[in-house]
């Protein structure tokens, strides 16, 4: 009886430890996986990254049991294969033509570890895709300026993707991507916010 009691207490302790380790675990995610809507999402799904829908039918990206830092490392490794990289970025560019996809990729992703970086930011953090993803972001930001004040929130969300990037692999490419745009014609609030983010980049 004593031995069984010790066994029980040991199991309880292990279980408690397990729960302690997942205090920040959001594995109770109740979103439902939805079918990929484009080739980019199909490629991500093969790497264990799902598109899910919450109770309000809002789509979000679920990256599984890893953090966005680990996802950056994983995608960077995959993109060492040139064909994979070219196909992924081409599919990403095509997917961005749909506004709902664009918004989904800008918003935070989720995992069993909690809220993570957006898919857009993950691609900006990858060595192999940083310059291309950054240029695509600037292109989207440029297009948003044509919508005027109605695009302010989305424009700020774009700029949030480039704040506090911890590593730049080709600073010249990023600066050219910014200043090749006609930013002097942008909404002043957005232009100033972008310029203020440049030292962080």
N, C-alpha and C. Protein backbone atom coordinates (compact mmCIF):
# COMPACT_ATOMS: atom_id res chain seq x y z
N UNK A 1 0.84 -1.20 0.00
CA UNK A 1 0.00 0.00 0.00
C UNK A 1 0.87 1.24 0.00
N UNK A 2 1.91 1.18 0.84
CA UNK A 2 2.82 2.33 0.91
C UNK A 2 3.49 2.55 -0.44
N UNK A 3 3.92 1.44 -1.08
CA UNK A 3 4.59 1.55 -2.37
C UNK A 3 3.64 2.13 -3.42
N UNK A 4 2.38 1.64 -3.37
CA UNK A 4 1.39 2.14 -4.32
C UNK A 4 1.15 3.62 -4.10
N UNK A 5 1.14 4.00 -2.82
CA UNK A 5 0.94 5.41 -2.52
C UNK A 5 2.04 6.26 -3.07
N UNK A 6 3.28 5.74 -2.93
CA UNK A 6 4.42 6.49 -3.48
C UNK A 6 4.31 6.59 -4.99
N UNK A 7 3.85 5.47 -5.59
CA UNK A 7 3.68 5.47 -7.04
C UNK A 7 2.68 6.53 -7.47
N UNK A 8 1.58 6.59 -6.71
CA UNK A 8 0.54 7.54 -7.03
C UNK A 8 1.05 8.96 -6.89
N UNK A 9 1.77 9.19 -5.78
CA UNK A 9 2.29 10.55 -5.56
C UNK A 9 3.31 10.92 -6.64
N UNK A 10 4.09 9.94 -7.06
CA UNK A 10 5.08 10.22 -8.11
C UNK A 10 4.37 10.60 -9.40
N UNK A 11 3.30 9.86 -9.70
CA UNK A 11 2.55 10.16 -10.91
C UNK A 11 1.90 11.53 -10.83
N UNK A 12 1.37 11.82 -9.64
CA UNK A 12 0.75 13.13 -9.45
C UNK A 12 1.79 14.23 -9.61
N UNK A 13 2.98 13.99 -9.07
CA UNK A 13 4.04 15.00 -9.16
C UNK A 13 4.44 15.22 -10.62
N UNK A 14 4.60 14.10 -11.35
CA UNK A 14 4.97 14.23 -12.76
C UNK A 14 3.90 14.99 -13.53
N UNK A 15 2.64 14.66 -13.20
CA UNK A 15 1.56 15.33 -13.91
C UNK A 15 1.54 16.82 -13.58
N UNK A 16 1.79 17.12 -12.28
CA UNK A 16 1.83 18.52 -11.87
C UNK A 16 2.96 19.24 -12.60
N UNK A 17 4.12 18.58 -12.66
CA UNK A 17 5.25 19.17 -13.36
C UNK A 17 4.90 19.41 -14.82
N UNK A 18 4.18 18.45 -15.39
CA UNK A 18 3.81 18.59 -16.79
C UNK A 18 2.91 19.80 -16.97
N UNK A 19 1.96 19.95 -16.05
CA UNK A 19 1.07 21.11 -16.14
C UNK A 19 1.84 22.39 -15.92
N UNK A 20 2.81 22.34 -14.99
CA UNK A 20 3.62 23.53 -14.73
C UNK A 20 4.37 23.96 -15.98
N UNK A 21 4.85 22.98 -16.72
CA UNK A 21 5.64 23.30 -17.90
C UNK A 21 4.78 23.91 -19.00
N UNK A 22 3.48 23.65 -18.94
CA UNK A 22 2.62 24.15 -20.00
C UNK A 22 1.70 25.26 -19.52
N UNK A 23 2.17 25.99 -18.53
CA UNK A 23 1.40 27.15 -18.07
C UNK A 23 1.18 28.10 -19.25
N UNK A 24 2.19 28.19 -20.14
CA UNK A 24 2.05 29.05 -21.32
C UNK A 24 1.66 28.22 -22.54
N UNK A 25 1.19 26.99 -22.29
CA UNK A 25 0.81 26.12 -23.39
C UNK A 25 -0.64 26.40 -23.78
N UNK A 26 -0.86 26.67 -25.04
CA UNK A 26 -2.20 26.96 -25.52
C UNK A 26 -2.71 25.80 -26.36
N UNK A 27 -2.35 24.59 -25.93
CA UNK A 27 -2.73 23.42 -26.69
C UNK A 27 -4.23 23.14 -26.59
N UNK A 28 -4.94 23.96 -25.81
CA UNK A 28 -6.38 23.86 -25.75
C UNK A 28 -6.99 24.69 -26.88
N UNK A 29 -6.19 24.99 -27.89
CA UNK A 29 -6.65 25.73 -29.05
C UNK A 29 -7.90 25.05 -29.61
N UNK A 30 -8.97 25.80 -29.73
CA UNK A 30 -10.24 25.21 -30.15
C UNK A 30 -10.55 25.48 -31.61
N UNK A 31 -9.61 26.12 -32.31
CA UNK A 31 -9.83 26.40 -33.72
C UNK A 31 -9.87 25.12 -34.54
N UNK A 32 -10.59 25.17 -35.62
CA UNK A 32 -10.69 24.02 -36.51
C UNK A 32 -9.85 24.25 -37.75
N UNK A 33 -9.11 23.22 -38.14
CA UNK A 33 -8.30 23.31 -39.35
C UNK A 33 -9.22 23.48 -40.56
N UNK A 34 -8.83 24.35 -41.47
CA UNK A 34 -9.58 24.54 -42.71
C UNK A 34 -8.68 24.19 -43.88
N UNK A 35 -9.30 23.91 -44.99
CA UNK A 35 -8.54 23.54 -46.19
C UNK A 35 -7.69 24.71 -46.66
N UNK A 36 -6.46 24.45 -47.09
CA UNK A 36 -5.64 25.52 -47.66
C UNK A 36 -6.36 26.17 -48.83
N UNK A 37 -6.25 27.48 -48.93
CA UNK A 37 -6.96 28.20 -50.00
C UNK A 37 -6.05 28.53 -51.17
N UNK A 38 -4.76 28.20 -51.05
CA UNK A 38 -3.83 28.54 -52.12
C UNK A 38 -2.59 27.64 -52.01
N UNK A 39 -1.71 27.75 -52.99
CA UNK A 39 -0.53 26.89 -53.03
C UNK A 39 0.41 27.17 -51.87
N UNK A 40 0.50 28.44 -51.45
CA UNK A 40 1.36 28.80 -50.33
C UNK A 40 0.94 28.05 -49.07
N UNK A 41 -0.35 28.05 -48.80
CA UNK A 41 -0.86 27.36 -47.61
C UNK A 41 -0.71 25.84 -47.72
N UNK A 42 -0.78 25.32 -48.94
CA UNK A 42 -0.54 23.88 -49.14
C UNK A 42 0.90 23.53 -48.81
N UNK A 43 1.83 24.39 -49.23
CA UNK A 43 3.24 24.14 -48.94
C UNK A 43 3.50 24.21 -47.44
N UNK A 44 2.88 25.18 -46.77
CA UNK A 44 3.05 25.30 -45.32
C UNK A 44 2.47 24.09 -44.60
N UNK A 45 1.33 23.61 -45.09
CA UNK A 45 0.69 22.46 -44.45
C UNK A 45 1.60 21.24 -44.48
N UNK A 46 2.36 21.09 -45.55
CA UNK A 46 3.29 19.96 -45.63
C UNK A 46 4.40 20.08 -44.58
N UNK A 47 4.58 21.30 -44.05
CA UNK A 47 5.55 21.52 -42.98
C UNK A 47 4.87 21.61 -41.62
N UNK A 48 3.60 21.20 -41.55
CA UNK A 48 2.90 21.16 -40.28
C UNK A 48 2.26 22.46 -39.85
N UNK A 49 2.13 23.41 -40.76
CA UNK A 49 1.54 24.71 -40.44
C UNK A 49 0.13 24.76 -41.02
N UNK A 50 -0.85 24.91 -40.16
CA UNK A 50 -2.25 24.86 -40.58
C UNK A 50 -2.87 26.25 -40.62
N UNK A 51 -3.88 26.36 -41.45
CA UNK A 51 -4.79 27.49 -41.35
C UNK A 51 -5.96 27.00 -40.52
N UNK A 52 -6.30 27.75 -39.47
CA UNK A 52 -7.42 27.38 -38.63
C UNK A 52 -8.45 28.50 -38.60
N UNK A 53 -9.63 28.15 -38.13
CA UNK A 53 -10.73 29.10 -38.03
C UNK A 53 -11.25 29.07 -36.60
N UNK A 54 -11.42 30.28 -36.01
CA UNK A 54 -11.92 30.32 -34.63
C UNK A 54 -13.44 30.29 -34.61
N UNK A 55 -14.01 30.49 -33.41
CA UNK A 55 -15.46 30.38 -33.27
C UNK A 55 -16.21 31.45 -34.05
N UNK A 56 -15.50 32.52 -34.41
CA UNK A 56 -16.12 33.58 -35.21
C UNK A 56 -15.77 33.45 -36.69
N UNK A 57 -15.23 32.30 -37.05
CA UNK A 57 -14.85 31.99 -38.44
C UNK A 57 -13.72 32.88 -38.95
N UNK A 58 -12.93 33.40 -38.02
CA UNK A 58 -11.77 34.19 -38.42
C UNK A 58 -10.58 33.26 -38.60
N UNK A 59 -9.90 33.40 -39.71
CA UNK A 59 -8.76 32.53 -40.01
C UNK A 59 -7.50 33.01 -39.29
N UNK A 60 -6.68 32.04 -38.91
CA UNK A 60 -5.37 32.35 -38.34
C UNK A 60 -4.43 31.20 -38.63
N UNK A 61 -3.14 31.43 -38.49
CA UNK A 61 -2.14 30.40 -38.77
C UNK A 61 -1.76 29.70 -37.47
N UNK A 62 -1.73 28.38 -37.52
CA UNK A 62 -1.34 27.57 -36.37
C UNK A 62 -0.09 26.80 -36.75
N UNK A 63 1.02 27.07 -36.04
CA UNK A 63 2.31 26.51 -36.46
C UNK A 63 2.70 25.23 -35.72
N UNK A 64 1.77 24.70 -34.92
CA UNK A 64 2.02 23.42 -34.27
C UNK A 64 2.65 23.54 -32.89
N UNK A 65 3.61 22.68 -32.60
CA UNK A 65 4.20 22.60 -31.26
C UNK A 65 5.55 23.31 -31.17
N UNK A 66 5.77 24.28 -32.03
CA UNK A 66 7.05 24.99 -32.03
C UNK A 66 6.83 26.49 -31.87
N UNK A 67 7.90 27.19 -31.59
CA UNK A 67 7.85 28.65 -31.53
C UNK A 67 8.16 29.22 -32.90
N UNK A 68 7.91 30.50 -33.07
CA UNK A 68 8.21 31.13 -34.36
C UNK A 68 9.72 31.15 -34.62
N UNK A 69 10.53 31.22 -33.56
CA UNK A 69 11.99 31.16 -33.74
C UNK A 69 12.40 29.83 -34.37
N UNK A 70 11.81 28.75 -33.88
CA UNK A 70 12.12 27.44 -34.45
C UNK A 70 11.58 27.31 -35.86
N UNK A 71 10.45 27.97 -36.12
CA UNK A 71 9.90 27.94 -37.48
C UNK A 71 10.82 28.68 -38.45
N UNK A 72 11.39 29.79 -38.00
CA UNK A 72 12.36 30.51 -38.83
C UNK A 72 13.51 29.58 -39.21
N UNK A 73 14.05 28.88 -38.22
CA UNK A 73 15.17 27.97 -38.48
C UNK A 73 14.75 26.84 -39.42
N UNK A 74 13.55 26.33 -39.23
CA UNK A 74 13.06 25.23 -40.06
C UNK A 74 12.88 25.67 -41.51
N UNK A 75 12.23 26.81 -41.72
CA UNK A 75 12.00 27.29 -43.08
C UNK A 75 13.31 27.68 -43.75
N UNK A 76 14.21 28.29 -42.98
CA UNK A 76 15.51 28.66 -43.54
C UNK A 76 16.25 27.43 -44.05
N UNK A 77 16.17 26.36 -43.28
CA UNK A 77 16.82 25.11 -43.70
C UNK A 77 16.18 24.58 -44.98
N UNK A 78 14.85 24.61 -45.01
CA UNK A 78 14.15 24.14 -46.21
C UNK A 78 14.50 24.99 -47.43
N UNK A 79 14.65 26.30 -47.20
CA UNK A 79 14.91 27.21 -48.32
C UNK A 79 16.36 27.16 -48.80
N UNK A 80 17.17 26.33 -48.16
CA UNK A 80 18.50 26.08 -48.72
C UNK A 80 18.39 25.38 -50.07
N UNK A 81 17.25 24.72 -50.27
CA UNK A 81 16.95 24.13 -51.58
C UNK A 81 16.31 25.22 -52.43
N UNK A 82 17.02 25.62 -53.44
CA UNK A 82 16.60 26.80 -54.21
C UNK A 82 15.20 26.66 -54.79
N UNK A 83 14.87 25.49 -55.31
CA UNK A 83 13.55 25.32 -55.92
C UNK A 83 12.45 25.50 -54.89
N UNK A 84 12.67 24.95 -53.70
CA UNK A 84 11.68 25.11 -52.63
C UNK A 84 11.50 26.60 -52.31
N UNK A 85 12.62 27.31 -52.16
CA UNK A 85 12.55 28.73 -51.83
C UNK A 85 11.81 29.51 -52.91
N UNK A 86 12.17 29.27 -54.16
CA UNK A 86 11.53 29.99 -55.25
C UNK A 86 10.03 29.69 -55.32
N UNK A 87 9.68 28.43 -55.15
CA UNK A 87 8.26 28.04 -55.20
C UNK A 87 7.49 28.65 -54.03
N UNK A 88 8.09 28.62 -52.83
CA UNK A 88 7.41 29.15 -51.65
C UNK A 88 7.16 30.65 -51.78
N UNK A 89 8.18 31.39 -52.20
CA UNK A 89 8.04 32.84 -52.29
C UNK A 89 7.14 33.25 -53.44
N UNK A 90 7.17 32.50 -54.51
CA UNK A 90 6.27 32.77 -55.63
C UNK A 90 4.82 32.53 -55.21
N UNK A 91 4.60 31.44 -54.48
CA UNK A 91 3.25 31.12 -54.00
C UNK A 91 2.79 32.15 -52.97
N UNK A 92 3.72 32.62 -52.14
CA UNK A 92 3.41 33.65 -51.14
C UNK A 92 2.98 34.94 -51.84
N UNK A 93 3.74 35.34 -52.84
CA UNK A 93 3.42 36.57 -53.58
C UNK A 93 2.04 36.48 -54.22
N UNK A 94 1.74 35.33 -54.78
CA UNK A 94 0.44 35.14 -55.42
C UNK A 94 -0.68 35.17 -54.38
N UNK A 95 -0.46 34.55 -53.24
CA UNK A 95 -1.48 34.51 -52.18
C UNK A 95 -1.81 35.90 -51.66
N UNK A 96 -0.81 36.78 -51.66
CA UNK A 96 -1.00 38.13 -51.14
C UNK A 96 -1.95 38.97 -51.99
N UNK A 97 -2.26 38.49 -53.17
CA UNK A 97 -3.18 39.24 -54.03
C UNK A 97 -4.60 39.26 -53.46
N UNK A 98 -4.87 38.32 -52.56
CA UNK A 98 -6.16 38.29 -51.89
C UNK A 98 -6.04 38.99 -50.53
N UNK A 99 -6.84 40.01 -50.31
CA UNK A 99 -6.74 40.81 -49.08
C UNK A 99 -6.90 39.97 -47.82
N UNK A 100 -7.82 39.02 -47.84
CA UNK A 100 -8.02 38.23 -46.62
C UNK A 100 -6.78 37.40 -46.28
N UNK A 101 -6.07 36.91 -47.30
CA UNK A 101 -4.82 36.20 -47.04
C UNK A 101 -3.78 37.14 -46.46
N UNK A 102 -3.66 38.30 -47.07
CA UNK A 102 -2.70 39.31 -46.63
C UNK A 102 -2.87 39.61 -45.15
N UNK A 103 -4.11 39.84 -44.73
CA UNK A 103 -4.39 40.16 -43.33
C UNK A 103 -4.05 38.97 -42.43
N UNK A 104 -4.42 37.77 -42.85
CA UNK A 104 -4.13 36.57 -42.05
C UNK A 104 -2.64 36.41 -41.82
N UNK A 105 -1.83 36.66 -42.84
CA UNK A 105 -0.38 36.48 -42.73
C UNK A 105 0.29 37.59 -41.94
N UNK A 106 -0.40 38.73 -41.80
CA UNK A 106 0.14 39.84 -41.00
C UNK A 106 -0.13 39.67 -39.51
N UNK A 107 -1.18 38.95 -39.19
CA UNK A 107 -1.59 38.83 -37.79
C UNK A 107 -0.81 37.73 -37.08
N UNK A 108 -0.70 37.81 -35.76
CA UNK A 108 0.07 36.81 -35.01
C UNK A 108 -0.40 35.39 -35.31
N UNK A 109 0.55 34.49 -35.38
CA UNK A 109 0.21 33.07 -35.51
C UNK A 109 0.07 32.50 -34.10
N UNK A 110 -0.36 31.26 -34.03
CA UNK A 110 -0.53 30.60 -32.74
C UNK A 110 0.17 29.25 -32.77
N UNK A 111 0.52 28.76 -31.59
CA UNK A 111 1.09 27.42 -31.47
C UNK A 111 0.75 26.89 -30.09
N UNK A 112 1.18 25.68 -29.80
CA UNK A 112 0.95 25.13 -28.46
C UNK A 112 1.77 25.90 -27.43
N UNK A 113 2.69 26.73 -27.88
CA UNK A 113 3.52 27.54 -26.98
C UNK A 113 2.93 28.93 -26.76
N UNK A 114 1.79 29.22 -27.40
CA UNK A 114 1.17 30.53 -27.24
C UNK A 114 1.18 31.34 -28.52
N UNK A 115 0.96 32.63 -28.37
CA UNK A 115 0.93 33.53 -29.53
C UNK A 115 2.34 33.72 -30.06
N UNK A 116 2.48 33.65 -31.38
CA UNK A 116 3.79 33.73 -32.01
C UNK A 116 3.82 34.85 -33.06
N UNK A 117 4.98 35.00 -33.70
CA UNK A 117 5.12 36.00 -34.74
C UNK A 117 4.23 35.65 -35.93
N UNK A 118 3.90 36.66 -36.72
CA UNK A 118 3.10 36.42 -37.92
C UNK A 118 3.93 35.65 -38.95
N UNK A 119 3.23 35.02 -39.88
CA UNK A 119 3.92 34.30 -40.95
C UNK A 119 4.72 35.28 -41.80
N UNK A 120 4.19 36.48 -42.01
CA UNK A 120 4.91 37.48 -42.80
C UNK A 120 6.23 37.83 -42.11
N UNK A 121 6.17 38.05 -40.81
CA UNK A 121 7.38 38.41 -40.08
C UNK A 121 8.38 37.24 -40.04
N UNK A 122 7.86 36.03 -39.94
CA UNK A 122 8.74 34.85 -39.97
C UNK A 122 9.56 34.84 -41.26
N UNK A 123 8.90 35.13 -42.38
CA UNK A 123 9.62 35.15 -43.66
C UNK A 123 10.61 36.31 -43.74
N UNK A 124 10.30 37.41 -43.07
CA UNK A 124 11.24 38.54 -43.03
C UNK A 124 12.45 38.19 -42.16
N UNK A 125 12.25 37.35 -41.17
CA UNK A 125 13.35 36.97 -40.28
C UNK A 125 14.25 35.87 -40.87
N UNK A 126 13.75 35.16 -41.88
CA UNK A 126 14.55 34.11 -42.52
C UNK A 126 15.61 34.73 -43.43
N UNK A 127 16.82 34.24 -43.34
CA UNK A 127 17.90 34.73 -44.20
C UNK A 127 17.53 34.58 -45.68
N UNK A 128 17.01 33.43 -46.03
CA UNK A 128 16.76 33.11 -47.44
C UNK A 128 15.63 33.91 -48.07
N UNK A 129 14.73 34.43 -47.25
CA UNK A 129 13.56 35.11 -47.80
C UNK A 129 13.44 36.56 -47.35
N UNK A 130 14.38 37.04 -46.54
CA UNK A 130 14.22 38.37 -45.95
C UNK A 130 14.03 39.48 -46.98
N UNK A 131 14.93 39.56 -47.94
CA UNK A 131 14.87 40.66 -48.91
C UNK A 131 13.58 40.61 -49.73
N UNK A 132 13.20 39.43 -50.19
CA UNK A 132 11.98 39.29 -51.00
C UNK A 132 10.74 39.58 -50.18
N UNK A 133 10.65 39.03 -48.98
CA UNK A 133 9.48 39.25 -48.13
C UNK A 133 9.36 40.72 -47.75
N UNK A 134 10.49 41.36 -47.47
CA UNK A 134 10.48 42.78 -47.12
C UNK A 134 9.98 43.60 -48.30
N UNK A 135 10.44 43.27 -49.50
CA UNK A 135 10.01 44.00 -50.69
C UNK A 135 8.52 43.81 -50.95
N UNK A 136 8.02 42.61 -50.73
CA UNK A 136 6.59 42.36 -50.88
C UNK A 136 5.79 43.17 -49.87
N UNK A 137 6.32 43.30 -48.66
CA UNK A 137 5.64 44.09 -47.63
C UNK A 137 5.58 45.56 -48.04
N UNK A 138 6.70 46.08 -48.56
CA UNK A 138 6.73 47.48 -49.00
C UNK A 138 5.78 47.70 -50.17
N UNK A 139 5.67 46.71 -51.03
CA UNK A 139 4.76 46.82 -52.16
C UNK A 139 3.31 46.90 -51.68
N UNK A 140 2.98 46.07 -50.72
CA UNK A 140 1.63 46.10 -50.15
C UNK A 140 1.37 47.43 -49.43
N UNK A 141 2.37 47.92 -48.73
CA UNK A 141 2.23 49.18 -48.01
C UNK A 141 2.02 50.33 -48.99
N UNK A 142 2.76 50.29 -50.09
CA UNK A 142 2.59 51.30 -51.14
C UNK A 142 1.16 51.28 -51.67
N UNK A 143 0.64 50.10 -51.93
CA UNK A 143 -0.72 49.98 -52.46
C UNK A 143 -1.76 50.48 -51.47
N UNK A 144 -1.51 50.25 -50.19
CA UNK A 144 -2.46 50.69 -49.16
C UNK A 144 -2.59 52.21 -49.12
N UNK A 145 -1.54 52.92 -49.51
CA UNK A 145 -1.59 54.38 -49.46
C UNK A 145 -2.63 54.94 -50.42
N UNK A 146 -2.97 54.18 -51.44
CA UNK A 146 -3.97 54.63 -52.40
C UNK A 146 -5.37 54.60 -51.80
N UNK A 147 -5.51 53.89 -50.68
CA UNK A 147 -6.82 53.77 -50.04
C UNK A 147 -7.05 54.86 -49.00
N UNK A 148 -6.03 55.67 -48.75
CA UNK A 148 -6.19 56.79 -47.83
C UNK A 148 -6.36 56.38 -46.38
N UNK A 149 -7.15 57.15 -45.66
CA UNK A 149 -7.30 56.96 -44.21
C UNK A 149 -7.90 55.60 -43.84
N UNK A 150 -8.65 55.01 -44.75
CA UNK A 150 -9.29 53.73 -44.44
C UNK A 150 -8.28 52.61 -44.24
N UNK A 151 -7.05 52.84 -44.70
CA UNK A 151 -6.03 51.78 -44.61
C UNK A 151 -5.07 51.97 -43.45
N UNK A 152 -5.32 52.95 -42.59
CA UNK A 152 -4.36 53.28 -41.53
C UNK A 152 -4.01 52.09 -40.64
N UNK A 153 -5.01 51.39 -40.14
CA UNK A 153 -4.75 50.28 -39.22
C UNK A 153 -3.92 49.20 -39.89
N UNK A 154 -4.27 48.87 -41.12
CA UNK A 154 -3.54 47.83 -41.84
C UNK A 154 -2.12 48.29 -42.17
N UNK A 155 -1.97 49.57 -42.48
CA UNK A 155 -0.63 50.11 -42.75
C UNK A 155 0.25 50.02 -41.51
N UNK A 156 -0.30 50.35 -40.36
CA UNK A 156 0.47 50.25 -39.12
C UNK A 156 0.83 48.79 -38.81
N UNK A 157 -0.07 47.88 -39.15
CA UNK A 157 0.21 46.46 -38.94
C UNK A 157 1.36 46.01 -39.84
N UNK A 158 1.42 46.57 -41.04
CA UNK A 158 2.55 46.27 -41.94
C UNK A 158 3.86 46.73 -41.32
N UNK A 159 3.88 47.95 -40.83
CA UNK A 159 5.11 48.51 -40.27
C UNK A 159 5.54 47.74 -39.02
N UNK A 160 4.57 47.22 -38.29
CA UNK A 160 4.90 46.43 -37.09
C UNK A 160 5.72 45.20 -37.44
N UNK A 161 5.61 44.72 -38.67
CA UNK A 161 6.35 43.52 -39.08
C UNK A 161 7.86 43.75 -39.10
N UNK A 162 8.28 45.00 -39.27
CA UNK A 162 9.72 45.26 -39.42
C UNK A 162 10.35 45.89 -38.18
N UNK A 163 9.58 46.07 -37.15
CA UNK A 163 10.16 46.65 -35.93
C UNK A 163 10.97 45.60 -35.16
N UNK A 164 12.10 46.04 -34.64
CA UNK A 164 12.93 45.19 -33.77
C UNK A 164 13.38 43.89 -34.44
N UNK A 165 13.71 43.98 -35.72
CA UNK A 165 14.31 42.82 -36.39
C UNK A 165 15.72 42.66 -35.85
N UNK A 166 16.04 41.48 -35.35
CA UNK A 166 17.33 41.32 -34.67
C UNK A 166 18.50 41.03 -35.60
N UNK A 167 18.21 40.73 -36.87
CA UNK A 167 19.33 40.48 -37.79
C UNK A 167 18.94 40.88 -39.21
N UNK A 168 19.78 41.71 -39.82
CA UNK A 168 19.61 42.13 -41.20
C UNK A 168 20.70 41.47 -42.04
N UNK A 169 20.30 40.81 -43.11
CA UNK A 169 21.27 40.08 -43.93
C UNK A 169 21.74 40.89 -45.14
N UNK A 170 20.92 41.83 -45.60
CA UNK A 170 21.30 42.67 -46.74
C UNK A 170 20.65 44.03 -46.55
N UNK A 171 21.30 44.89 -45.77
CA UNK A 171 20.72 46.18 -45.43
C UNK A 171 20.48 47.04 -46.67
N UNK A 172 21.37 46.94 -47.64
CA UNK A 172 21.22 47.73 -48.86
C UNK A 172 19.91 47.38 -49.59
N UNK A 173 19.63 46.10 -49.68
CA UNK A 173 18.40 45.66 -50.35
C UNK A 173 17.17 46.21 -49.63
N UNK A 174 17.20 46.22 -48.31
CA UNK A 174 16.06 46.70 -47.54
C UNK A 174 15.88 48.21 -47.69
N UNK A 175 16.98 48.94 -47.63
CA UNK A 175 16.89 50.39 -47.78
C UNK A 175 16.41 50.76 -49.18
N UNK A 176 16.91 50.06 -50.19
CA UNK A 176 16.47 50.32 -51.56
C UNK A 176 14.98 50.03 -51.70
N UNK A 177 14.53 48.97 -51.05
CA UNK A 177 13.13 48.61 -51.11
C UNK A 177 12.23 49.71 -50.55
N UNK A 178 12.73 50.41 -49.54
CA UNK A 178 11.97 51.51 -48.95
C UNK A 178 12.02 52.75 -49.84
N UNK A 179 13.21 53.15 -50.21
CA UNK A 179 13.37 54.45 -50.86
C UNK A 179 13.15 54.43 -52.36
N UNK A 180 12.93 53.26 -52.94
CA UNK A 180 12.51 53.20 -54.33
C UNK A 180 11.02 53.49 -54.46
N UNK A 181 10.33 53.47 -53.33
CA UNK A 181 8.91 53.83 -53.32
C UNK A 181 8.77 55.35 -53.19
N UNK A 182 7.64 55.85 -53.61
CA UNK A 182 7.39 57.29 -53.53
C UNK A 182 6.81 57.63 -52.16
N UNK A 183 7.63 57.42 -51.13
CA UNK A 183 7.11 57.58 -49.77
C UNK A 183 6.76 59.03 -49.43
N UNK A 184 7.31 59.98 -50.21
CA UNK A 184 6.97 61.39 -49.96
C UNK A 184 5.50 61.66 -50.25
N UNK A 185 4.86 60.76 -51.00
CA UNK A 185 3.44 60.93 -51.32
C UNK A 185 2.53 60.11 -50.41
N UNK A 186 3.13 59.41 -49.48
CA UNK A 186 2.33 58.59 -48.58
C UNK A 186 1.62 59.46 -47.54
N UNK A 187 0.65 58.85 -46.88
CA UNK A 187 -0.01 59.52 -45.75
C UNK A 187 1.06 59.86 -44.72
N UNK A 188 1.16 61.13 -44.30
CA UNK A 188 2.25 61.54 -43.40
C UNK A 188 2.41 60.65 -42.17
N UNK A 189 1.31 60.27 -41.57
CA UNK A 189 1.37 59.43 -40.36
C UNK A 189 2.08 58.11 -40.64
N UNK A 190 1.77 57.53 -41.78
CA UNK A 190 2.38 56.24 -42.15
C UNK A 190 3.83 56.43 -42.57
N UNK A 191 4.08 57.46 -43.35
CA UNK A 191 5.46 57.74 -43.78
C UNK A 191 6.36 57.96 -42.57
N UNK A 192 5.90 58.75 -41.61
CA UNK A 192 6.71 59.03 -40.43
C UNK A 192 6.93 57.78 -39.58
N UNK A 193 5.90 56.96 -39.50
CA UNK A 193 6.03 55.71 -38.74
C UNK A 193 7.03 54.78 -39.40
N UNK A 194 7.00 54.72 -40.73
CA UNK A 194 7.95 53.88 -41.45
C UNK A 194 9.37 54.38 -41.25
N UNK A 195 9.57 55.67 -41.40
CA UNK A 195 10.91 56.25 -41.25
C UNK A 195 11.44 56.03 -39.84
N UNK A 196 10.56 56.14 -38.86
CA UNK A 196 11.01 55.95 -37.47
C UNK A 196 11.40 54.50 -37.20
N UNK A 197 10.91 53.59 -38.03
CA UNK A 197 11.25 52.17 -37.84
C UNK A 197 12.58 51.82 -38.49
N UNK A 198 13.09 52.66 -39.36
CA UNK A 198 14.32 52.34 -40.10
C UNK A 198 15.52 52.15 -39.19
N UNK A 199 15.75 53.00 -38.19
CA UNK A 199 16.88 52.74 -37.28
C UNK A 199 16.78 51.39 -36.59
N UNK A 200 15.53 50.95 -36.32
CA UNK A 200 15.34 49.65 -35.70
C UNK A 200 15.73 48.54 -36.66
N UNK A 201 15.42 48.76 -37.95
CA UNK A 201 15.82 47.79 -38.96
C UNK A 201 17.33 47.75 -39.07
